[in-house]
Amino acid sequence: CKLKLSLLFHCLSLLCLTSFVYYHYFTILRKQKSNKVAIYLLKCYNSCKEVYTMNMNIYKKRQLSEQQLAILESEMQKRRKNTLLAYVLWIFFGAIGAHQFYLGNTKKGFLYLGLWILTIVCLFISLSTAGLNLSSPITEEISGDITVFGAIVLFLGGFLALALAFLLLYDLFTIPKQVREADEKEEDKLIQEIMSIS
């Protein structure tokens, strides 16, 4: 009976959140431009997702015994992510995605690392081509292909560096949220492990 009531409560919560999103979508659609609507819908979707995940974790916790809850809490104390440490990693090793690896976002971590490596490679290639040009006397004819190639590579490296800088700037303001999400994922994983053992 309690299980059915809990499931009904979660279904109603999700239905209310979905209705809220659609209501505000049609209200804003009449008043604002489509790009603002898309941004607002994305925010609503993220909020709904957070609330749903939190409710599911609460629901799963209710299925655990006191002993299992104690095990869960002790394990979470060991595995809980530290916001300060995430910021320290962001400051010193953010360009190579160390803070993302720490938070368990392996794909994002490899994305940061790849962008950093490609930026360094592009910078090295553009500097080496510039070095070749500078070593030649000014009066001598310089190959146009090297100059154009160096400029293209430099532009590509600048674009990659800008993309990486944008991602790091985004992380500056969202690390606390990312830490919360990482903790929720870890908690959900632990709950599933505990429930599977029992």
C-alpha atoms as a PDB file:
ATOM      1  CA  CYS A   1       0.000   0.000   0.000  1.00  0.00           C
ATOM      2  CA  LYS A   2       2.812   2.421   0.943  1.00  0.00           C
ATOM      3  CA  LEU A   3       4.644   1.503  -2.264  1.00  0.00           C
ATOM      4  CA  LYS A   4       1.574   2.293  -4.390  1.00  0.00           C
ATOM      5  CA  LEU A   5       1.020   5.610  -2.598  1.00  0.00           C
ATOM      6  CA  SER A   6       4.679   6.596  -3.092  1.00  0.00           C
ATOM      7  CA  LEU A   7       4.553   5.753  -6.794  1.00  0.00           C
ATOM      8  CA  LEU A   8       1.298   7.689  -7.156  1.00  0.00           C
ATOM      9  CA  PHE A   9       2.868  10.678  -5.389  1.00  0.00           C
ATOM     10  CA  HIS A  10       5.875  10.656  -7.745  1.00  0.00           C
ATOM     11  CA  CYS A  11       3.686  10.326 -10.832  1.00  0.00           C
ATOM     12  CA  LEU A  12       1.537  13.255  -9.687  1.00  0.00           C
ATOM     13  CA  SER A  13       4.657  15.339  -8.956  1.00  0.00           C
ATOM     14  CA  LEU A  14       6.009  14.683 -12.442  1.00  0.00           C
ATOM     15  CA  LEU A  15       2.606  15.445 -14.002  1.00  0.00           C
ATOM     16  CA  CYS A  16       2.385  18.761 -12.112  1.00  0.00           C
ATOM     17  CA  LEU A  17       5.901  19.746 -13.191  1.00  0.00           C
ATOM     18  CA  THR A  18       5.157  18.869 -16.834  1.00  0.00           C
ATOM     19  CA  SER A  19       1.904  20.862 -16.735  1.00  0.00           C
ATOM     20  CA  PHE A  20       3.806  23.799 -15.244  1.00  0.00           C
ATOM     21  CA  VAL A  21       6.348  23.688 -18.086  1.00  0.00           C
ATOM     22  CA  TYR A  22       3.681  23.526 -20.819  1.00  0.00           C
ATOM     23  CA  TYR A  23       1.600  26.289 -19.231  1.00  0.00           C
ATOM     24  CA  HIS A  24       4.571  28.649 -19.058  1.00  0.00           C
ATOM     25  CA  TYR A  25       5.698  27.633 -22.538  1.00  0.00           C
ATOM     26  CA  PHE A  26       2.423  28.750 -24.128  1.00  0.00           C
ATOM     27  CA  THR A  27       2.282  31.888 -21.956  1.00  0.00           C
ATOM     28  CA  ILE A  28       5.779  33.004 -22.952  1.00  0.00           C
ATOM     29  CA  LEU A  29       5.305  31.948 -26.584  1.00  0.00           C
ATOM     30  CA  ARG A  30       2.658  34.653 -26.963  1.00  0.00           C
ATOM     31  CA  LYS A  31       4.862  37.337 -25.375  1.00  0.00           C
ATOM     32  CA  GLN A  32       8.506  36.692 -26.217  1.00  0.00           C
ATOM     33  CA  LYS A  33      10.794  35.531 -29.007  1.00  0.00           C
ATOM     34  CA  SER A  34      11.429  31.856 -29.701  1.00  0.00           C
ATOM     35  CA  ASN A  35      15.059  31.867 -28.481  1.00  0.00           C
ATOM     36  CA  LYS A  36      13.975  33.140 -25.039  1.00  0.00           C
ATOM     37  CA  VAL A  37      11.325  30.427 -24.960  1.00  0.00           C
ATOM     38  CA  ALA A  38      13.960  27.785 -25.708  1.00  0.00           C
ATOM     39  CA  ILE A  39      16.207  29.070 -22.899  1.00  0.00           C
ATOM     40  CA  TYR A  40      13.290  29.150 -20.460  1.00  0.00           C
ATOM     41  CA  LEU A  41      12.190  25.630 -21.423  1.00  0.00           C
ATOM     42  CA  LEU A  42      15.724  24.356 -20.932  1.00  0.00           C
ATOM     43  CA  LYS A  43      15.793  25.880 -17.427  1.00  0.00           C
ATOM     44  CA  CYS A  44      12.394  24.341 -16.639  1.00  0.00           C
ATOM     45  CA  TYR A  45      13.526  20.945 -17.925  1.00  0.00           C
ATOM     46  CA  ASN A  46      16.682  21.056 -15.777  1.00  0.00           C
ATOM     47  CA  SER A  47      14.633  22.054 -12.718  1.00  0.00           C
ATOM     48  CA  CYS A  48      12.151  19.229 -13.330  1.00  0.00           C
ATOM     49  CA  LYS A  49      14.993  16.760 -13.783  1.00  0.00           C
ATOM     50  CA  GLU A  50      16.621  17.826 -10.490  1.00  0.00           C
ATOM     51  CA  VAL A  51      13.335  17.590  -8.568  1.00  0.00           C
ATOM     52  CA  TYR A  52      12.546  14.188 -10.103  1.00  0.00           C
ATOM     53  CA  THR A  53      16.011  12.794  -9.268  1.00  0.00           C
ATOM     54  CA  MET A  54      15.773  14.119  -5.716  1.00  0.00           C
ATOM     55  CA  ASN A  55      12.282  12.607  -5.262  1.00  0.00           C
ATOM     56  CA  MET A  56      13.434   9.257  -6.625  1.00  0.00           C
ATOM     57  CA  ASN A  57      16.353   9.184  -4.186  1.00  0.00           C
ATOM     58  CA  ILE A  58      14.009  10.024  -1.290  1.00  0.00           C
ATOM     59  CA  TYR A  59      11.628   7.296  -2.451  1.00  0.00           C
ATOM     60  CA  LYS A  60      14.440   4.722  -2.656  1.00  0.00           C
ATOM     61  CA  LYS A  61      15.761   5.707   0.780  1.00  0.00           C
ATOM     62  CA  ARG A  62      12.351   4.951   2.280  1.00  0.00           C
ATOM     63  CA  GLN A  63      12.696   1.368   1.075  1.00  0.00           C
ATOM     64  CA  LEU A  64      15.891   0.888   3.122  1.00  0.00           C
ATOM     65  CA  SER A  65      16.097  -0.349   6.693  1.00  0.00           C
ATOM     66  CA  GLU A  66      17.808   1.683   9.455  1.00  0.00           C
ATOM     67  CA  GLN A  67      20.945  -0.443   9.182  1.00  0.00           C
ATOM     68  CA  GLN A  68      21.063   0.039   5.402  1.00  0.00           C
ATOM     69  CA  LEU A  69      20.570   3.794   5.830  1.00  0.00           C
ATOM     70  CA  ALA A  70      23.491   3.871   8.281  1.00  0.00           C
ATOM     71  CA  ILE A  71      25.681   2.022   5.750  1.00  0.00           C
ATOM     72  CA  LEU A  72      24.566   4.437   3.041  1.00  0.00           C
ATOM     73  CA  GLU A  73      25.399   7.487   5.168  1.00  0.00           C
ATOM     74  CA  SER A  74      28.833   6.158   6.176  1.00  0.00           C
ATOM     75  CA  GLU A  75      29.698   5.348   2.549  1.00  0.00           C
ATOM     76  CA  MET A  76      28.467   8.749   1.384  1.00  0.00           C
ATOM     77  CA  GLN A  77      30.716  10.436   3.955  1.00  0.00           C
ATOM     78  CA  LYS A  78      33.678   8.761   2.228  1.00  0.00           C
ATOM     79  CA  ARG A  79      32.528   9.360  -1.352  1.00  0.00           C
ATOM     80  CA  ARG A  80      30.955  12.823  -1.075  1.00  0.00           C
ATOM     81  CA  LYS A  81      32.630  15.380  -3.320  1.00  0.00           C
ATOM     82  CA  ASN A  82      34.179  18.556  -1.915  1.00  0.00           C
ATOM     83  CA  THR A  83      33.248  21.857  -3.587  1.00  0.00           C
ATOM     84  CA  LEU A  84      36.433  23.580  -2.402  1.00  0.00           C
ATOM     85  CA  LEU A  85      38.626  20.805  -3.817  1.00  0.00           C
ATOM     86  CA  ALA A  86      36.716  20.983  -7.116  1.00  0.00           C
ATOM     87  CA  TYR A  87      37.457  24.732  -7.307  1.00  0.00           C
ATOM     88  CA  VAL A  88      41.143  24.162  -6.452  1.00  0.00           C
ATOM     89  CA  LEU A  89      41.393  21.604  -9.282  1.00  0.00           C
ATOM     90  CA  TRP A  90      39.548  24.039 -11.577  1.00  0.00           C
ATOM     91  CA  ILE A  91      42.042  26.829 -10.788  1.00  0.00           C
ATOM     92  CA  PHE A  92      45.258  24.818 -11.210  1.00  0.00           C
ATOM     93  CA  PHE A  93      44.337  21.986 -13.585  1.00  0.00           C
ATOM     94  CA  GLY A  94      41.005  23.092 -15.083  1.00  0.00           C
ATOM     95  CA  ALA A  95      42.367  23.305 -18.623  1.00  0.00           C
ATOM     96  CA  ILE A  96      43.053  19.540 -18.643  1.00  0.00           C
ATOM     97  CA  GLY A  97      39.670  18.751 -17.067  1.00  0.00           C
ATOM     98  CA  ALA A  98      40.935  17.591 -13.654  1.00  0.00           C
ATOM     99  CA  HIS A  99      37.845  18.940 -11.865  1.00  0.00           C
ATOM    100  CA  GLN A 100      35.568  17.047 -14.258  1.00  0.00           C
ATOM    101  CA  PHE A 101      37.462  13.793 -13.705  1.00  0.00           C
ATOM    102  CA  TYR A 102      37.154  14.400  -9.942  1.00  0.00           C
ATOM    103  CA  LEU A 103      33.380  14.862 -10.256  1.00  0.00           C
ATOM    104  CA  GLY A 104      33.069  11.643 -12.257  1.00  0.00           C
ATOM    105  CA  ASN A 105      32.307  13.368 -15.573  1.00  0.00           C
ATOM    106  CA  THR A 106      34.873  11.348 -17.541  1.00  0.00           C
ATOM    107  CA  LYS A 107      33.574  12.291 -21.011  1.00  0.00           C
ATOM    108  CA  LYS A 108      33.678  16.001 -20.202  1.00  0.00           C
ATOM    109  CA  GLY A 109      37.126  15.555 -18.684  1.00  0.00           C
ATOM    110  CA  PHE A 110      38.437  13.988 -21.904  1.00  0.00           C
ATOM    111  CA  LEU A 111      36.777  16.792 -23.889  1.00  0.00           C
ATOM    112  CA  TYR A 112      38.689  19.422 -21.876  1.00  0.00           C
ATOM    113  CA  LEU A 113      41.915  17.446 -22.168  1.00  0.00           C
ATOM    114  CA  GLY A 114      41.463  17.019 -25.933  1.00  0.00           C
ATOM    115  CA  LEU A 115      40.774  20.721 -26.432  1.00  0.00           C
ATOM    116  CA  TRP A 116      43.866  21.622 -24.396  1.00  0.00           C
ATOM    117  CA  ILE A 117      46.124  19.209 -26.320  1.00  0.00           C
ATOM    118  CA  LEU A 118      44.819  20.387 -29.709  1.00  0.00           C
ATOM    119  CA  THR A 119      45.282  24.035 -28.692  1.00  0.00           C
ATOM    120  CA  ILE A 120      48.912  23.382 -27.670  1.00  0.00           C
ATOM    121  CA  VAL A 121      49.567  21.433 -30.895  1.00  0.00           C
ATOM    122  CA  CYS A 122      48.061  24.218 -33.038  1.00  0.00           C
ATOM    123  CA  LEU A 123      50.102  26.844 -31.173  1.00  0.00           C
ATOM    124  CA  PHE A 124      53.301  24.818 -31.601  1.00  0.00           C
ATOM    125  CA  ILE A 125      52.685  24.317 -35.342  1.00  0.00           C
ATOM    126  CA  SER A 126      51.887  27.995 -35.912  1.00  0.00           C
ATOM    127  CA  LEU A 127      54.994  29.085 -33.971  1.00  0.00           C
ATOM    128  CA  SER A 128      57.196  26.634 -35.874  1.00  0.00           C
ATOM    129  CA  THR A 129      55.920  27.954 -39.224  1.00  0.00           C
ATOM    130  CA  ALA A 130      56.474  31.516 -37.994  1.00  0.00           C
ATOM    131  CA  GLY A 131      60.004  30.480 -36.945  1.00  0.00           C
ATOM    132  CA  LEU A 132      60.679  29.197 -40.455  1.00  0.00           C
ATOM    133  CA  ASN A 133      59.540  32.506 -41.929  1.00  0.00           C
ATOM    134  CA  LEU A 134      61.544  34.575 -39.446  1.00  0.00           C
ATOM    135  CA  SER A 135      64.726  32.603 -40.095  1.00  0.00           C
ATOM    136  CA  SER A 136      64.606  33.576 -43.764  1.00  0.00           C
ATOM    137  CA  PRO A 137      66.037  36.953 -44.781  1.00  0.00           C
ATOM    138  CA  ILE A 138      63.377  39.635 -45.407  1.00  0.00           C
ATOM    139  CA  THR A 139      64.578  40.141 -48.959  1.00  0.00           C
ATOM    140  CA  GLU A 140      64.231  36.473 -49.832  1.00  0.00           C
ATOM    141  CA  GLU A 141      60.994  35.089 -51.216  1.00  0.00           C
ATOM    142  CA  ILE A 142      58.894  33.346 -48.529  1.00  0.00           C
ATOM    143  CA  SER A 143      56.607  30.472 -49.407  1.00  0.00           C
ATOM    144  CA  GLY A 144      52.952  31.602 -49.330  1.00  0.00           C
ATOM    145  CA  ASP A 145      51.708  28.113 -48.414  1.00  0.00           C
ATOM    146  CA  ILE A 146      53.539  28.114 -45.081  1.00  0.00           C
ATOM    147  CA  THR A 147      52.181  31.537 -44.157  1.00  0.00           C
ATOM    148  CA  VAL A 148      48.585  30.645 -45.005  1.00  0.00           C
ATOM    149  CA  PHE A 149      48.871  27.272 -43.280  1.00  0.00           C
ATOM    150  CA  GLY A 150      50.325  28.895 -40.146  1.00  0.00           C
ATOM    151  CA  ALA A 151      47.532  31.478 -40.090  1.00  0.00           C
ATOM    152  CA  ILE A 152      44.839  28.798 -40.456  1.00  0.00           C
ATOM    153  CA  VAL A 153      46.367  26.669 -37.705  1.00  0.00           C
ATOM    154  CA  LEU A 154      46.706  29.718 -35.441  1.00  0.00           C
ATOM    155  CA  PHE A 155      43.062  30.639 -36.051  1.00  0.00           C
ATOM    156  CA  LEU A 156      41.985  27.046 -35.294  1.00  0.00           C
ATOM    157  CA  GLY A 157      44.050  27.037 -32.090  1.00  0.00           C
ATOM    158  CA  GLY A 158      42.500  30.359 -31.044  1.00  0.00           C
ATOM    159  CA  PHE A 159      39.004  28.976 -31.665  1.00  0.00           C
ATOM    160  CA  LEU A 160      39.740  25.847 -29.579  1.00  0.00           C
ATOM    161  CA  ALA A 161      41.233  27.979 -26.785  1.00  0.00           C
ATOM    162  CA  LEU A 162      38.123  30.175 -26.816  1.00  0.00           C
ATOM    163  CA  ALA A 163      35.855  27.109 -26.583  1.00  0.00           C
ATOM    164  CA  LEU A 164      37.886  25.798 -23.645  1.00  0.00           C
ATOM    165  CA  ALA A 165      37.792  29.213 -21.935  1.00  0.00           C
ATOM    166  CA  PHE A 166      33.999  29.318 -22.356  1.00  0.00           C
ATOM    167  CA  LEU A 167      33.623  25.857 -20.777  1.00  0.00           C
ATOM    168  CA  LEU A 168      35.863  26.859 -17.856  1.00  0.00           C
ATOM    169  CA  LEU A 169      33.897  30.084 -17.340  1.00  0.00           C
ATOM    170  CA  TYR A 170      30.669  28.069 -17.291  1.00  0.00           C
ATOM    171  CA  ASP A 171      32.186  25.729 -14.680  1.00  0.00           C
ATOM    172  CA  LEU A 172      33.179  28.699 -12.514  1.00  0.00           C
ATOM    173  CA  PHE A 173      29.508  29.419 -11.832  1.00  0.00           C
ATOM    174  CA  THR A 174      28.144  25.851 -11.918  1.00  0.00           C
ATOM    175  CA  ILE A 175      30.662  23.797  -9.904  1.00  0.00           C
ATOM    176  CA  PRO A 176      28.447  23.735  -6.753  1.00  0.00           C
ATOM    177  CA  LYS A 177      25.555  22.409  -8.849  1.00  0.00           C
ATOM    178  CA  GLN A 178      27.835  19.851 -10.529  1.00  0.00           C
ATOM    179  CA  VAL A 179      29.058  18.684  -7.109  1.00  0.00           C
ATOM    180  CA  ARG A 180      25.440  18.259  -5.977  1.00  0.00           C
ATOM    181  CA  GLU A 181      24.589  16.252  -9.092  1.00  0.00           C
ATOM    182  CA  ALA A 182      27.691  14.067  -8.651  1.00  0.00           C
ATOM    183  CA  ASP A 183      26.692  13.350  -5.033  1.00  0.00           C
ATOM    184  CA  GLU A 184      23.143  12.475  -6.107  1.00  0.00           C
ATOM    185  CA  LYS A 185      24.436  10.076  -8.771  1.00  0.00           C
ATOM    186  CA  GLU A 186      26.814   8.478  -6.272  1.00  0.00           C
ATOM    187  CA  GLU A 187      24.019   8.156  -3.707  1.00  0.00           C
ATOM    188  CA  ASP A 188      21.703   6.586  -6.284  1.00  0.00           C
ATOM    189  CA  LYS A 189      24.429   4.126  -7.262  1.00  0.00           C
ATOM    190  CA  LEU A 190      25.050   3.192  -3.622  1.00  0.00           C
ATOM    191  CA  ILE A 191      21.318   2.718  -2.948  1.00  0.00           C
ATOM    192  CA  GLN A 192      21.069   0.352  -5.906  1.00  0.00           C
ATOM    193  CA  GLU A 193      24.102  -1.610  -4.679  1.00  0.00           C
ATOM    194  CA  ILE A 194      22.683  -1.888  -1.143  1.00  0.00           C
ATOM    195  CA  MET A 195      19.249  -2.929  -2.439  1.00  0.00           C
ATOM    196  CA  SER A 196      20.782  -5.544  -4.770  1.00  0.00           C
ATOM    197  CA  ILE A 197      22.774  -7.071  -1.880  1.00  0.00           C
ATOM    198  CA  SER A 198      19.706  -7.307   0.329  1.00  0.00           C
END
